[in-house]
């Protein structure tokens, strides 16, 4: 599947930049929290559910979508690794 997308308009990028830096800081904190629950032997699904609940209670906060976008882009920039499969 080939997605041909144009970059967002420069004005939108400039407006998002400050929020993005705040979102990266919050993303780093959430990643640390997720690593903690995984270290406490949460399963991957339990950890995802825990993070989802944390985001869900903040769904009216605009940074929540930005956090999700920042996480997806961070994963996309990382070297590709095969996904871990959990029980069906």
N, C-alpha and C. Protein backbone atom coordinates (compact mmCIF):
# COMPACT_ATOMS: atom_id res chain seq x y z
N UNK A 1 0.84 -1.16 0.00
CA UNK A 1 0.00 0.00 0.00
C UNK A 1 0.90 1.24 0.00
N UNK A 2 0.69 2.11 -0.95
CA UNK A 2 1.51 3.31 -1.08
C UNK A 2 0.67 4.54 -0.76
N UNK A 3 1.07 5.26 0.26
CA UNK A 3 0.35 6.47 0.65
C UNK A 3 1.14 7.68 0.18
N UNK A 4 0.57 8.45 -0.72
CA UNK A 4 1.19 9.69 -1.17
C UNK A 4 0.50 10.83 -0.43
N UNK A 5 1.21 11.39 0.53
CA UNK A 5 0.62 12.47 1.32
C UNK A 5 1.48 13.69 1.21
N UNK A 6 0.85 14.84 1.28
CA UNK A 6 1.55 16.12 1.27
C UNK A 6 1.83 16.52 2.72
N UNK A 7 2.93 17.21 2.97
CA UNK A 7 3.18 17.70 4.33
C UNK A 7 2.08 18.67 4.76
N UNK A 8 1.83 18.75 6.07
CA UNK A 8 0.84 19.73 6.56
C UNK A 8 1.28 21.15 6.21
N UNK A 9 0.34 22.08 6.18
CA UNK A 9 0.70 23.48 5.89
C UNK A 9 1.68 24.03 6.92
N UNK A 10 2.63 24.89 6.48
CA UNK A 10 3.63 25.44 7.40
C UNK A 10 3.03 26.12 8.62
N UNK A 11 1.93 26.83 8.47
CA UNK A 11 1.31 27.50 9.61
C UNK A 11 0.82 26.51 10.66
N UNK A 12 0.31 25.39 10.22
CA UNK A 12 -0.16 24.35 11.14
C UNK A 12 1.02 23.70 11.85
N UNK A 13 2.10 23.48 11.12
CA UNK A 13 3.30 22.90 11.72
C UNK A 13 3.84 23.83 12.81
N UNK A 14 3.92 25.11 12.52
CA UNK A 14 4.42 26.08 13.51
C UNK A 14 3.53 26.10 14.74
N UNK A 15 2.22 26.05 14.53
CA UNK A 15 1.29 26.07 15.66
C UNK A 15 1.41 24.80 16.50
N UNK A 16 1.72 23.68 15.88
CA UNK A 16 1.78 22.40 16.60
C UNK A 16 3.12 22.18 17.30
N UNK A 17 4.15 22.91 16.89
CA UNK A 17 5.49 22.62 17.40
C UNK A 17 5.61 22.73 18.92
N UNK A 18 5.08 23.76 19.51
CA UNK A 18 5.19 23.93 20.96
C UNK A 18 4.45 22.81 21.69
N UNK A 19 3.24 22.50 21.24
CA UNK A 19 2.49 21.40 21.85
C UNK A 19 3.22 20.07 21.67
N UNK A 20 3.87 19.92 20.52
CA UNK A 20 4.60 18.68 20.25
C UNK A 20 5.73 18.47 21.25
N UNK A 21 6.45 19.53 21.57
CA UNK A 21 7.54 19.39 22.54
C UNK A 21 7.00 18.99 23.91
N UNK A 22 5.87 19.56 24.31
CA UNK A 22 5.23 19.17 25.57
C UNK A 22 4.75 17.72 25.49
N UNK A 23 4.21 17.34 24.35
CA UNK A 23 3.73 15.96 24.18
C UNK A 23 4.88 14.97 24.25
N UNK A 24 6.03 15.33 23.69
CA UNK A 24 7.19 14.41 23.76
C UNK A 24 7.60 14.18 25.21
N UNK A 25 7.59 15.25 26.01
CA UNK A 25 7.95 15.08 27.43
C UNK A 25 6.95 14.16 28.12
N UNK A 26 5.67 14.38 27.86
CA UNK A 26 4.64 13.52 28.47
C UNK A 26 4.74 12.10 27.94
N UNK A 27 5.05 11.96 26.66
CA UNK A 27 5.21 10.63 26.07
C UNK A 27 6.35 9.87 26.76
N UNK A 28 7.46 10.56 27.00
CA UNK A 28 8.58 9.91 27.71
C UNK A 28 8.14 9.43 29.09
N UNK A 29 7.33 10.22 29.79
CA UNK A 29 6.84 9.82 31.11
C UNK A 29 5.91 8.61 31.00
N UNK A 30 5.05 8.61 29.98
CA UNK A 30 4.13 7.49 29.81
C UNK A 30 4.87 6.22 29.41
N UNK A 31 5.92 6.36 28.60
CA UNK A 31 6.72 5.19 28.23
C UNK A 31 7.39 4.61 29.47
N UNK A 32 7.91 5.47 30.34
CA UNK A 32 8.52 5.01 31.59
C UNK A 32 7.49 4.27 32.44
N UNK A 33 6.27 4.81 32.50
CA UNK A 33 5.22 4.15 33.28
C UNK A 33 4.86 2.80 32.67
N UNK A 34 4.80 2.73 31.34
CA UNK A 34 4.49 1.46 30.68
C UNK A 34 5.59 0.44 30.92
N UNK A 35 6.83 0.89 30.89
CA UNK A 35 7.95 -0.03 31.17
C UNK A 35 7.86 -0.55 32.60
N UNK A 36 7.42 0.31 33.52
CA UNK A 36 7.27 -0.12 34.91
C UNK A 36 6.21 -1.20 35.05
N UNK A 37 5.04 -0.99 34.41
CA UNK A 37 4.01 -2.02 34.54
C UNK A 37 4.42 -3.31 33.85
N UNK A 38 5.15 -3.21 32.74
CA UNK A 38 5.66 -4.42 32.09
C UNK A 38 6.68 -5.12 32.98
N UNK A 39 7.52 -4.34 33.66
CA UNK A 39 8.50 -4.93 34.58
C UNK A 39 7.82 -5.59 35.77
N UNK A 40 6.61 -5.12 36.09
CA UNK A 40 5.83 -5.73 37.17
C UNK A 40 4.97 -6.88 36.67
N UNK A 41 5.38 -7.40 35.54
CA UNK A 41 4.79 -8.61 34.95
C UNK A 41 3.38 -8.44 34.44
N UNK A 42 2.99 -7.22 34.05
CA UNK A 42 1.75 -7.05 33.30
C UNK A 42 1.99 -7.70 31.94
N UNK A 43 0.97 -8.31 31.37
CA UNK A 43 1.09 -8.80 30.00
C UNK A 43 1.06 -7.59 29.07
N UNK A 44 1.39 -7.81 27.81
CA UNK A 44 1.34 -6.71 26.85
C UNK A 44 -0.07 -6.14 26.75
N UNK A 45 -1.06 -7.02 26.72
CA UNK A 45 -2.45 -6.56 26.64
C UNK A 45 -2.85 -5.79 27.89
N UNK A 46 -2.42 -6.24 29.05
CA UNK A 46 -2.71 -5.52 30.30
C UNK A 46 -2.05 -4.14 30.28
N UNK A 47 -0.81 -4.06 29.77
CA UNK A 47 -0.12 -2.78 29.71
C UNK A 47 -0.81 -1.84 28.72
N UNK A 48 -1.20 -2.36 27.56
CA UNK A 48 -1.92 -1.54 26.58
C UNK A 48 -3.23 -1.03 27.19
N UNK A 49 -3.94 -1.89 27.89
CA UNK A 49 -5.20 -1.49 28.52
C UNK A 49 -4.96 -0.42 29.57
N UNK A 50 -3.89 -0.56 30.35
CA UNK A 50 -3.56 0.43 31.37
C UNK A 50 -3.27 1.79 30.73
N UNK A 51 -2.48 1.80 29.66
CA UNK A 51 -2.18 3.06 28.96
C UNK A 51 -3.46 3.62 28.34
N UNK A 52 -4.25 2.76 27.71
CA UNK A 52 -5.50 3.21 27.10
C UNK A 52 -6.41 3.87 28.13
N UNK A 53 -6.52 3.26 29.30
CA UNK A 53 -7.35 3.85 30.36
C UNK A 53 -6.81 5.22 30.77
N UNK A 54 -5.49 5.33 30.87
CA UNK A 54 -4.89 6.62 31.23
C UNK A 54 -5.22 7.68 30.20
N UNK A 55 -5.18 7.31 28.93
CA UNK A 55 -5.51 8.26 27.87
C UNK A 55 -7.01 8.52 27.80
N UNK A 56 -7.79 7.49 28.03
CA UNK A 56 -9.25 7.60 27.91
C UNK A 56 -9.83 8.61 28.91
N UNK A 57 -9.32 8.61 30.12
CA UNK A 57 -9.84 9.55 31.12
C UNK A 57 -9.45 10.99 30.79
N UNK A 58 -8.51 11.15 29.86
CA UNK A 58 -8.08 12.49 29.44
C UNK A 58 -8.54 12.81 28.03
N UNK A 59 -9.54 12.10 27.53
CA UNK A 59 -9.89 12.21 26.12
C UNK A 59 -10.30 13.62 25.69
N UNK A 60 -10.71 14.46 26.62
CA UNK A 60 -11.06 15.84 26.27
C UNK A 60 -9.84 16.75 26.20
N UNK A 61 -8.69 16.23 26.59
CA UNK A 61 -7.45 16.99 26.56
C UNK A 61 -6.84 16.85 25.15
N UNK A 62 -6.67 17.96 24.42
CA UNK A 62 -6.16 17.86 23.05
C UNK A 62 -4.80 17.19 22.94
N UNK A 63 -4.02 17.18 24.00
CA UNK A 63 -2.68 16.58 23.92
C UNK A 63 -2.76 15.05 23.75
N UNK A 64 -3.90 14.45 24.10
CA UNK A 64 -4.02 12.99 24.00
C UNK A 64 -3.81 12.52 22.56
N UNK A 65 -4.44 13.17 21.60
CA UNK A 65 -4.24 12.78 20.21
C UNK A 65 -2.81 13.06 19.77
N UNK A 66 -2.24 14.14 20.26
CA UNK A 66 -0.86 14.47 19.91
C UNK A 66 0.09 13.43 20.50
N UNK A 67 -0.19 12.96 21.70
CA UNK A 67 0.62 11.88 22.30
C UNK A 67 0.58 10.64 21.42
N UNK A 68 -0.60 10.30 20.96
CA UNK A 68 -0.75 9.12 20.10
C UNK A 68 0.04 9.31 18.81
N UNK A 69 -0.06 10.48 18.21
CA UNK A 69 0.66 10.76 16.98
C UNK A 69 2.17 10.71 17.21
N UNK A 70 2.63 11.29 18.31
CA UNK A 70 4.06 11.28 18.61
C UNK A 70 4.57 9.86 18.82
N UNK A 71 3.77 9.03 19.48
CA UNK A 71 4.17 7.64 19.72
C UNK A 71 4.25 6.87 18.40
N UNK A 72 3.27 7.07 17.53
CA UNK A 72 3.27 6.37 16.25
C UNK A 72 4.47 6.78 15.41
N UNK A 73 4.77 8.08 15.37
CA UNK A 73 5.92 8.55 14.58
C UNK A 73 7.22 8.03 15.20
N UNK A 74 7.32 8.02 16.53
CA UNK A 74 8.53 7.50 17.17
C UNK A 74 8.74 6.03 16.81
N UNK A 75 7.66 5.26 16.83
CA UNK A 75 7.77 3.85 16.44
C UNK A 75 8.15 3.71 14.97
N UNK A 76 7.59 4.56 14.13
CA UNK A 76 7.89 4.50 12.70
C UNK A 76 9.36 4.84 12.41
N UNK A 77 9.95 5.69 13.24
CA UNK A 77 11.36 6.06 13.05
C UNK A 77 12.32 4.99 13.55
N UNK A 78 11.86 4.13 14.44
CA UNK A 78 12.71 3.09 15.00
C UNK A 78 12.91 1.98 13.97
N UNK A 79 14.01 1.25 14.08
CA UNK A 79 14.20 0.12 13.17
C UNK A 79 13.03 -0.86 13.30
N UNK A 80 12.61 -1.37 12.18
CA UNK A 80 11.49 -2.31 12.17
C UNK A 80 11.89 -3.61 12.86
N UNK A 81 11.02 -4.08 13.71
CA UNK A 81 11.21 -5.37 14.36
C UNK A 81 9.93 -6.16 14.19
N UNK A 82 10.03 -7.48 14.12
CA UNK A 82 8.81 -8.26 13.98
C UNK A 82 7.93 -8.06 15.20
N UNK A 83 6.62 -7.92 14.99
CA UNK A 83 5.73 -7.73 16.15
C UNK A 83 5.69 -8.99 17.00
N UNK A 84 5.59 -8.76 18.31
CA UNK A 84 5.40 -9.88 19.23
C UNK A 84 3.96 -10.31 19.15
N UNK A 85 3.75 -11.58 19.12
CA UNK A 85 2.38 -12.09 19.07
C UNK A 85 2.02 -12.65 20.43
N UNK A 86 0.84 -12.29 20.88
CA UNK A 86 0.33 -12.84 22.13
C UNK A 86 -0.66 -13.93 21.78
N UNK A 87 -1.18 -14.57 22.79
CA UNK A 87 -2.15 -15.64 22.56
C UNK A 87 -3.28 -15.13 21.68
N UNK A 88 -3.81 -16.01 20.81
CA UNK A 88 -4.96 -15.61 19.97
C UNK A 88 -6.20 -15.36 20.79
